[in-house]
Amino acid sequence: MTLTRSGIEQLMTLFAGGEFLAKFMEDHRDLLQQMQDHNSEEYGHKGAKGSFSLNVSYELGGAGDLAMRAQADFKGQEARQPSRRLCR
């Protein structure tokens, strides 16, 4: 099954009443800004790298109840722990 962009956005709005999607977009924007800043400073000749991973997991209980969890990890140029967002 292939999810479209709108399908992914709809899925992400299910977590924390849409707050997960809002925070994800904020973290994504911050990552891109961090890369731009890194590239425009003294390190521009080396370029910049960044990434994010998104994990959505499901658990179906014996009574038919469905639990969903989403987590996003962002990694940028700065030597720091990745940003983690976890919502149920």
PDB file of N, CA and C in Angstrom:
ATOM      1  N   MET A   1       0.844  -1.172   0.000  1.00  0.00           N
ATOM      2  CA  MET A   1       0.000   0.000   0.000  1.00  0.00           C
ATOM      3  C   MET A   1       0.893   1.240   0.000  1.00  0.00           C
ATOM      4  N   THR A   2       0.589   2.172  -0.845  1.00  0.00           N
ATOM      5  CA  THR A   2       1.336   3.416  -0.930  1.00  0.00           C
ATOM      6  C   THR A   2       0.496   4.552  -0.374  1.00  0.00           C
ATOM      7  N   LEU A   3       1.103   5.310   0.539  1.00  0.00           N
ATOM      8  CA  LEU A   3       0.416   6.472   1.096  1.00  0.00           C
ATOM      9  C   LEU A   3       0.799   7.714   0.313  1.00  0.00           C
ATOM     10  N   THR A   4      -0.173   8.524   0.018  1.00  0.00           N
ATOM     11  CA  THR A   4       0.091   9.810  -0.623  1.00  0.00           C
ATOM     12  C   THR A   4       0.465  10.823   0.447  1.00  0.00           C
ATOM     13  N   ARG A   5       0.916  11.986   0.013  1.00  0.00           N
ATOM     14  CA  ARG A   5       1.265  13.042   0.965  1.00  0.00           C
ATOM     15  C   ARG A   5       0.079  13.377   1.857  1.00  0.00           C
ATOM     16  N   SER A   6      -1.096  13.535   1.266  1.00  0.00           N
ATOM     17  CA  SER A   6      -2.268  13.875   2.078  1.00  0.00           C
ATOM     18  C   SER A   6      -2.635  12.729   3.012  1.00  0.00           C
ATOM     19  N   GLY A   7      -2.397  11.492   2.579  1.00  0.00           N
ATOM     20  CA  GLY A   7      -2.661  10.339   3.433  1.00  0.00           C
ATOM     21  C   GLY A   7      -1.748  10.304   4.640  1.00  0.00           C
ATOM     22  N   ILE A   8      -0.482  10.649   4.443  1.00  0.00           N
ATOM     23  CA  ILE A   8       0.474  10.695   5.554  1.00  0.00           C
ATOM     24  C   ILE A   8       0.092  11.811   6.518  1.00  0.00           C
ATOM     25  N   GLU A   9      -0.269  12.968   5.971  1.00  0.00           N
ATOM     26  CA  GLU A   9      -0.685  14.082   6.831  1.00  0.00           C
ATOM     27  C   GLU A   9      -1.919  13.706   7.644  1.00  0.00           C
ATOM     28  N   GLN A  10      -2.879  13.028   7.014  1.00  0.00           N
ATOM     29  CA  GLN A  10      -4.077  12.601   7.733  1.00  0.00           C
ATOM     30  C   GLN A  10      -3.712  11.627   8.844  1.00  0.00           C
ATOM     31  N   LEU A  11      -2.811  10.701   8.549  1.00  0.00           N
ATOM     32  CA  LEU A  11      -2.370   9.742   9.560  1.00  0.00           C
ATOM     33  C   LEU A  11      -1.712  10.461  10.730  1.00  0.00           C
ATOM     34  N   MET A  12      -0.839  11.413  10.439  1.00  0.00           N
ATOM     35  CA  MET A  12      -0.106  12.114  11.495  1.00  0.00           C
ATOM     36  C   MET A  12      -1.006  13.010  12.343  1.00  0.00           C
ATOM     37  N   THR A  13      -2.140  13.443  11.806  1.00  0.00           N
ATOM     38  CA  THR A  13      -3.060  14.268  12.598  1.00  0.00           C
ATOM     39  C   THR A  13      -3.805  13.444  13.647  1.00  0.00           C
ATOM     40  N   LEU A  14      -3.781  12.128  13.527  1.00  0.00           N
ATOM     41  CA  LEU A  14      -4.460  11.273  14.499  1.00  0.00           C
ATOM     42  C   LEU A  14      -3.773  11.298  15.859  1.00  0.00           C
ATOM     43  N   PHE A  15      -2.505  11.643  15.901  1.00  0.00           N
ATOM     44  CA  PHE A  15      -1.741  11.576  17.137  1.00  0.00           C
ATOM     45  C   PHE A  15      -1.789  12.914  17.874  1.00  0.00           C
ATOM     46  N   ALA A  16      -2.150  12.844  19.138  1.00  0.00           N
ATOM     47  CA  ALA A  16      -2.176  14.001  20.037  1.00  0.00           C
ATOM     48  C   ALA A  16      -3.015  15.147  19.468  1.00  0.00           C
ATOM     49  N   GLY A  17      -4.120  14.809  18.860  1.00  0.00           N
ATOM     50  CA  GLY A  17      -5.029  15.829  18.356  1.00  0.00           C
ATOM     51  C   GLY A  17      -4.418  16.769  17.334  1.00  0.00           C
ATOM     52  N   GLY A  18      -3.501  16.267  16.528  1.00  0.00           N
ATOM     53  CA  GLY A  18      -2.852  17.082  15.502  1.00  0.00           C
ATOM     54  C   GLY A  18      -1.561  17.743  15.961  1.00  0.00           C
ATOM     55  N   GLU A  19      -1.294  17.689  17.264  1.00  0.00           N
ATOM     56  CA  GLU A  19      -0.077  18.312  17.805  1.00  0.00           C
ATOM     57  C   GLU A  19       1.188  17.615  17.281  1.00  0.00           C
ATOM     58  N   PHE A  20       1.115  16.300  17.075  1.00  0.00           N
ATOM     59  CA  PHE A  20       2.270  15.566  16.552  1.00  0.00           C
ATOM     60  C   PHE A  20       2.668  16.109  15.185  1.00  0.00           C
ATOM     61  N   LEU A  21       1.688  16.308  14.303  1.00  0.00           N
ATOM     62  CA  LEU A  21       1.974  16.842  12.964  1.00  0.00           C
ATOM     63  C   LEU A  21       2.548  18.249  13.064  1.00  0.00           C
ATOM     64  N   ALA A  22       1.973  19.079  13.907  1.00  0.00           N
ATOM     65  CA  ALA A  22       2.471  20.453  14.051  1.00  0.00           C
ATOM     66  C   ALA A  22       3.912  20.464  14.545  1.00  0.00           C
ATOM     67  N   LYS A  23       4.225  19.640  15.538  1.00  0.00           N
ATOM     68  CA  LYS A  23       5.584  19.591  16.077  1.00  0.00           C
ATOM     69  C   LYS A  23       6.547  18.973  15.062  1.00  0.00           C
ATOM     70  N   PHE A  24       6.078  17.969  14.335  1.00  0.00           N
ATOM     71  CA  PHE A  24       6.901  17.355  13.296  1.00  0.00           C
ATOM     72  C   PHE A  24       7.291  18.394  12.244  1.00  0.00           C
ATOM     73  N   MET A  25       6.328  19.175  11.791  1.00  0.00           N
ATOM     74  CA  MET A  25       6.611  20.196  10.779  1.00  0.00           C
ATOM     75  C   MET A  25       7.560  21.260  11.334  1.00  0.00           C
ATOM     76  N   GLU A  26       7.406  21.614  12.603  1.00  0.00           N
ATOM     77  CA  GLU A  26       8.312  22.577  13.239  1.00  0.00           C
ATOM     78  C   GLU A  26       9.737  22.018  13.304  1.00  0.00           C
ATOM     79  N   ASP A  27       9.871  20.766  13.714  1.00  0.00           N
ATOM     80  CA  ASP A  27      11.198  20.139  13.781  1.00  0.00           C
ATOM     81  C   ASP A  27      11.816  20.013  12.393  1.00  0.00           C
ATOM     82  N   HIS A  28      10.991  19.719  11.398  1.00  0.00           N
ATOM     83  CA  HIS A  28      11.482  19.614  10.025  1.00  0.00           C
ATOM     84  C   HIS A  28      12.010  20.966   9.539  1.00  0.00           C
ATOM     85  N   ARG A  29      11.252  22.010   9.796  1.00  0.00           N
ATOM     86  CA  ARG A  29      11.678  23.367   9.427  1.00  0.00           C
ATOM     87  C   ARG A  29      12.980  23.740  10.142  1.00  0.00           C
ATOM     88  N   ASP A  30      13.080  23.380  11.434  1.00  0.00           N
ATOM     89  CA  ASP A  30      14.295  23.657  12.203  1.00  0.00           C
ATOM     90  C   ASP A  30      15.501  22.916  11.632  1.00  0.00           C
ATOM     91  N   LEU A  31      15.304  21.674  11.212  1.00  0.00           N
ATOM     92  CA  LEU A  31      16.388  20.900  10.616  1.00  0.00           C
ATOM     93  C   LEU A  31      16.886  21.562   9.333  1.00  0.00           C
ATOM     94  N   LEU A  32      15.956  21.976   8.482  1.00  0.00           N
ATOM     95  CA  LEU A  32      16.351  22.638   7.233  1.00  0.00           C
ATOM     96  C   LEU A  32      17.078  23.945   7.505  1.00  0.00           C
ATOM     97  N   GLN A  33      16.609  24.707   8.508  1.00  0.00           N
ATOM     98  CA  GLN A  33      17.275  25.961   8.868  1.00  0.00           C
ATOM     99  C   GLN A  33      18.673  25.694   9.415  1.00  0.00           C
ATOM    100  N   GLN A  34      18.780  24.685  10.229  1.00  0.00           N
ATOM    101  CA  GLN A  34      20.080  24.319  10.789  1.00  0.00           C
ATOM    102  C   GLN A  34      21.063  23.963   9.674  1.00  0.00           C
ATOM    103  N   MET A  35      20.596  23.248   8.675  1.00  0.00           N
ATOM    104  CA  MET A  35      21.459  22.880   7.546  1.00  0.00           C
ATOM    105  C   MET A  35      21.864  24.125   6.753  1.00  0.00           C
ATOM    106  N   GLN A  36      20.911  25.026   6.532  1.00  0.00           N
ATOM    107  CA  GLN A  36      21.224  26.268   5.825  1.00  0.00           C
ATOM    108  C   GLN A  36      22.254  27.085   6.598  1.00  0.00           C
ATOM    109  N   ASP A  37      22.053  27.213   7.902  1.00  0.00           N
ATOM    110  CA  ASP A  37      22.987  27.970   8.739  1.00  0.00           C
ATOM    111  C   ASP A  37      24.369  27.345   8.702  1.00  0.00           C
ATOM    112  N   HIS A  38      24.427  26.043   8.807  1.00  0.00           N
ATOM    113  CA  HIS A  38      25.697  25.331   8.785  1.00  0.00           C
ATOM    114  C   HIS A  38      26.420  25.561   7.455  1.00  0.00           C
ATOM    115  N   ASN A  39      25.663  25.498   6.396  1.00  0.00           N
ATOM    116  CA  ASN A  39      26.237  25.627   5.054  1.00  0.00           C
ATOM    117  C   ASN A  39      26.703  27.060   4.776  1.00  0.00           C
ATOM    118  N   SER A  40      26.029  28.057   5.341  1.00  0.00           N
ATOM    119  CA  SER A  40      26.388  29.448   5.060  1.00  0.00           C
ATOM    120  C   SER A  40      27.524  29.948   5.950  1.00  0.00           C
ATOM    121  N   GLU A  41      27.833  29.208   7.001  1.00  0.00           N
ATOM    122  CA  GLU A  41      28.932  29.592   7.886  1.00  0.00           C
ATOM    123  C   GLU A  41      30.234  29.016   7.351  1.00  0.00           C
ATOM    124  N   GLU A  42      31.201  28.833   8.179  1.00  0.00           N
ATOM    125  CA  GLU A  42      32.530  28.401   7.760  1.00  0.00           C
ATOM    126  C   GLU A  42      32.574  26.989   7.195  1.00  0.00           C
ATOM    127  N   TYR A  43      31.499  26.216   7.349  1.00  0.00           N
ATOM    128  CA  TYR A  43      31.524  24.831   6.906  1.00  0.00           C
ATOM    129  C   TYR A  43      30.902  24.626   5.526  1.00  0.00           C
ATOM    130  N   GLY A  44      30.527  25.699   4.846  1.00  0.00           N
ATOM    131  CA  GLY A  44      29.803  25.594   3.588  1.00  0.00           C
ATOM    132  C   GLY A  44      30.484  24.768   2.527  1.00  0.00           C
ATOM    133  N   HIS A  45      31.792  24.770   2.530  1.00  0.00           N
ATOM    134  CA  HIS A  45      32.510  24.015   1.508  1.00  0.00           C
ATOM    135  C   HIS A  45      32.339  22.507   1.668  1.00  0.00           C
ATOM    136  N   LYS A  46      31.899  22.062   2.825  1.00  0.00           N
ATOM    137  CA  LYS A  46      31.696  20.635   3.077  1.00  0.00           C
ATOM    138  C   LYS A  46      30.249  20.205   2.851  1.00  0.00           C
ATOM    139  N   GLY A  47      29.352  21.160   2.712  1.00  0.00           N
ATOM    140  CA  GLY A  47      27.938  20.828   2.579  1.00  0.00           C
ATOM    141  C   GLY A  47      27.321  20.561   3.943  1.00  0.00           C
ATOM    142  N   ALA A  48      26.121  20.076   3.947  1.00  0.00           N
ATOM    143  CA  ALA A  48      25.407  19.800   5.196  1.00  0.00           C
ATOM    144  C   ALA A  48      24.562  18.551   5.016  1.00  0.00           C
ATOM    145  N   LYS A  49      24.351  17.835   6.104  1.00  0.00           N
ATOM    146  CA  LYS A  49      23.537  16.620   6.075  1.00  0.00           C
ATOM    147  C   LYS A  49      22.524  16.674   7.202  1.00  0.00           C
ATOM    148  N   GLY A  50      21.407  16.078   6.967  1.00  0.00           N
ATOM    149  CA  GLY A  50      20.369  15.944   7.979  1.00  0.00           C
ATOM    150  C   GLY A  50      19.445  14.812   7.587  1.00  0.00           C
ATOM    151  N   SER A  51      18.709  14.317   8.545  1.00  0.00           N
ATOM    152  CA  SER A  51      17.785  13.228   8.242  1.00  0.00           C
ATOM    153  C   SER A  51      16.686  13.183   9.297  1.00  0.00           C
ATOM    154  N   PHE A  52      15.617  12.490   8.958  1.00  0.00           N
ATOM    155  CA  PHE A  52      14.607  12.176   9.946  1.00  0.00           C
ATOM    156  C   PHE A  52      14.081  10.789   9.636  1.00  0.00           C
ATOM    157  N   SER A  53      13.649  10.120  10.678  1.00  0.00           N
ATOM    158  CA  SER A  53      12.976   8.836  10.497  1.00  0.00           C
ATOM    159  C   SER A  53      11.642   8.919  11.224  1.00  0.00           C
ATOM    160  N   LEU A  54      10.664   8.290  10.646  1.00  0.00           N
ATOM    161  CA  LEU A  54       9.311   8.296  11.193  1.00  0.00           C
ATOM    162  C   LEU A  54       8.891   6.847  11.384  1.00  0.00           C
ATOM    163  N   ASN A  55       8.438   6.537  12.578  1.00  0.00           N
ATOM    164  CA  ASN A  55       8.016   5.182  12.883  1.00  0.00           C
ATOM    165  C   ASN A  55       6.589   5.236  13.415  1.00  0.00           C
ATOM    166  N   VAL A  56       5.706   4.505  12.794  1.00  0.00           N
ATOM    167  CA  VAL A  56       4.327   4.370  13.263  1.00  0.00           C
ATOM    168  C   VAL A  56       4.106   2.896  13.548  1.00  0.00           C
ATOM    169  N   SER A  57       3.690   2.593  14.773  1.00  0.00           N
ATOM    170  CA  SER A  57       3.463   1.196  15.132  1.00  0.00           C
ATOM    171  C   SER A  57       2.009   1.011  15.584  1.00  0.00           C
ATOM    172  N   TYR A  58       1.539  -0.198  15.415  1.00  0.00           N
ATOM    173  CA  TYR A  58       0.161  -0.550  15.735  1.00  0.00           C
ATOM    174  C   TYR A  58       0.153  -1.782  16.626  1.00  0.00           C
ATOM    175  N   GLU A  59      -0.818  -1.829  17.527  1.00  0.00           N
ATOM    176  CA  GLU A  59      -1.001  -3.014  18.350  1.00  0.00           C
ATOM    177  C   GLU A  59      -2.501  -3.268  18.473  1.00  0.00           C
ATOM    178  N   LEU A  60      -2.913  -4.429  18.043  1.00  0.00           N
ATOM    179  CA  LEU A  60      -4.322  -4.803  18.100  1.00  0.00           C
ATOM    180  C   LEU A  60      -4.525  -5.741  19.275  1.00  0.00           C
ATOM    181  N   GLY A  61      -5.338  -5.313  20.230  1.00  0.00           N
ATOM    182  CA  GLY A  61      -5.614  -6.120  21.420  1.00  0.00           C
ATOM    183  C   GLY A  61      -6.608  -7.228  21.130  1.00  0.00           C
ATOM    184  N   GLY A  62      -6.707  -8.164  22.058  1.00  0.00           N
ATOM    185  CA  GLY A  62      -7.604  -9.305  21.901  1.00  0.00           C
ATOM    186  C   GLY A  62      -9.062  -8.912  21.784  1.00  0.00           C
ATOM    187  N   ALA A  63      -9.428  -7.781  22.366  1.00  0.00           N
ATOM    188  CA  ALA A  63     -10.812  -7.310  22.313  1.00  0.00           C
ATOM    189  C   ALA A  63     -11.077  -6.455  21.078  1.00  0.00           C
ATOM    190  N   GLY A  64     -10.077  -6.350  20.200  1.00  0.00           N
ATOM    191  CA  GLY A  64     -10.249  -5.564  18.984  1.00  0.00           C
ATOM    192  C   GLY A  64      -9.869  -4.102  19.126  1.00  0.00           C
ATOM    193  N   ASP A  65      -9.321  -3.745  20.280  1.00  0.00           N
ATOM    194  CA  ASP A  65      -8.893  -2.360  20.480  1.00  0.00           C
ATOM    195  C   ASP A  65      -7.553  -2.125  19.787  1.00  0.00           C
ATOM    196  N   LEU A  66      -7.435  -0.992  19.132  1.00  0.00           N
ATOM    197  CA  LEU A  66      -6.241  -0.673  18.361  1.00  0.00           C
ATOM    198  C   LEU A  66      -5.477   0.455  19.044  1.00  0.00           C
ATOM    199  N   ALA A  67      -4.207   0.207  19.320  1.00  0.00           N
ATOM    200  CA  ALA A  67      -3.326   1.239  19.874  1.00  0.00           C
ATOM    201  C   ALA A  67      -2.340   1.628  18.784  1.00  0.00           C
ATOM    202  N   MET A  68      -2.105   2.914  18.640  1.00  0.00           N
ATOM    203  CA  MET A  68      -1.175   3.421  17.632  1.00  0.00           C
ATOM    204  C   MET A  68      -0.159   4.313  18.319  1.00  0.00           C
ATOM    205  N   ARG A  69       1.065   4.271  17.829  1.00  0.00           N
ATOM    206  CA  ARG A  69       2.132   5.089  18.378  1.00  0.00           C
ATOM    207  C   ARG A  69       2.963   5.626  17.219  1.00  0.00           C
ATOM    208  N   ALA A  70       3.363   6.884  17.336  1.00  0.00           N
ATOM    209  CA  ALA A  70       4.209   7.505  16.319  1.00  0.00           C
ATOM    210  C   ALA A  70       5.422   8.126  16.987  1.00  0.00           C
ATOM    211  N   GLN A  71       6.560   8.017  16.317  1.00  0.00           N
ATOM    212  CA  GLN A  71       7.788   8.612  16.815  1.00  0.00           C
ATOM    213  C   GLN A  71       8.573   9.154  15.629  1.00  0.00           C
ATOM    214  N   ALA A  72       9.101  10.361  15.781  1.00  0.00           N
ATOM    215  CA  ALA A  72       9.944  10.963  14.750  1.00  0.00           C
ATOM    216  C   ALA A  72      11.287  11.306  15.370  1.00  0.00           C
ATOM    217  N   ASP A  73      12.354  10.957  14.690  1.00  0.00           N
ATOM    218  CA  ASP A  73      13.706  11.271  15.129  1.00  0.00           C
ATOM    219  C   ASP A  73      14.364  12.137  14.063  1.00  0.00           C
ATOM    220  N   PHE A  74      14.907  13.272  14.487  1.00  0.00           N
ATOM    221  CA  PHE A  74      15.591  14.191  13.579  1.00  0.00           C
ATOM    222  C   PHE A  74      17.062  14.239  13.953  1.00  0.00           C
ATOM    223  N   LYS A  75      17.929  14.255  12.930  1.00  0.00           N
ATOM    224  CA  LYS A  75      19.369  14.373  13.147  1.00  0.00           C
ATOM    225  C   LYS A  75      19.898  15.449  12.217  1.00  0.00           C
ATOM    226  N   GLY A  76      20.632  16.385  12.784  1.00  0.00           N
ATOM    227  CA  GLY A  76      21.199  17.463  11.994  1.00  0.00           C
ATOM    228  C   GLY A  76      22.696  17.541  12.155  1.00  0.00           C
ATOM    229  N   GLN A  77      23.246  18.669  11.801  1.00  0.00           N
ATOM    230  CA  GLN A  77      24.683  18.869  11.815  1.00  0.00           C
ATOM    231  C   GLN A  77      25.272  18.997  13.209  1.00  0.00           C
ATOM    232  N   GLU A  78      24.517  19.570  14.130  1.00  0.00           N
ATOM    233  CA  GLU A  78      25.059  19.808  15.454  1.00  0.00           C
ATOM    234  C   GLU A  78      25.273  18.502  16.195  1.00  0.00           C
ATOM    235  N   ALA A  79      26.320  18.460  16.992  1.00  0.00           N
ATOM    236  CA  ALA A  79      26.597  17.272  17.799  1.00  0.00           C
ATOM    237  C   ALA A  79      25.665  17.297  19.007  1.00  0.00           C
ATOM    238  N   ARG A  80      24.500  16.708  18.840  1.00  0.00           N
ATOM    239  CA  ARG A  80      23.524  16.674  19.916  1.00  0.00           C
ATOM    240  C   ARG A  80      22.663  15.441  19.744  1.00  0.00           C
ATOM    241  N   GLN A  81      21.891  15.139  20.740  1.00  0.00           N
ATOM    242  CA  GLN A  81      20.980  14.013  20.660  1.00  0.00           C
ATOM    243  C   GLN A  81      19.880  14.327  19.640  1.00  0.00           C
ATOM    244  N   PRO A  82      19.403  13.328  18.939  1.00  0.00           N
ATOM    245  CA  PRO A  82      18.305  13.586  18.006  1.00  0.00           C
ATOM    246  C   PRO A  82      17.045  14.023  18.751  1.00  0.00           C
ATOM    247  N   SER A  83      16.264  14.849  18.081  1.00  0.00           N
ATOM    248  CA  SER A  83      14.990  15.284  18.627  1.00  0.00           C
ATOM    249  C   SER A  83      14.010  14.128  18.503  1.00  0.00           C
ATOM    250  N   ARG A  84      13.313  13.816  19.574  1.00  0.00           N
ATOM    251  CA  ARG A  84      12.374  12.697  19.532  1.00  0.00           C
ATOM    252  C   ARG A  84      10.984  13.170  19.890  1.00  0.00           C
ATOM    253  N   ARG A  85      10.020  12.745  19.131  1.00  0.00           N
ATOM    254  CA  ARG A  85       8.630  13.055  19.392  1.00  0.00           C
ATOM    255  C   ARG A  85       7.883  11.737  19.440  1.00  0.00           C
ATOM    256  N   LEU A  86       7.240  11.486  20.541  1.00  0.00           N
ATOM    257  CA  LEU A  86       6.512  10.250  20.720  1.00  0.00           C
ATOM    258  C   LEU A  86       5.096  10.577  21.127  1.00  0.00           C
ATOM    259  N   CYS A  87       4.136  10.063  20.395  1.00  0.00           N
ATOM    260  CA  CYS A  87       2.726  10.306  20.711  1.00  0.00           C
ATOM    261  C   CYS A  87       1.933   9.024  20.587  1.00  0.00           C
ATOM    262  N   ARG A  88       0.887   8.941  21.357  1.00  0.00           N
ATOM    263  CA  ARG A  88      -0.034   7.809  21.265  1.00  0.00           C
ATOM    264  C   ARG A  88      -1.373   8.291  20.802  1.00  0.00           C
TER     265      ARG A  88
END
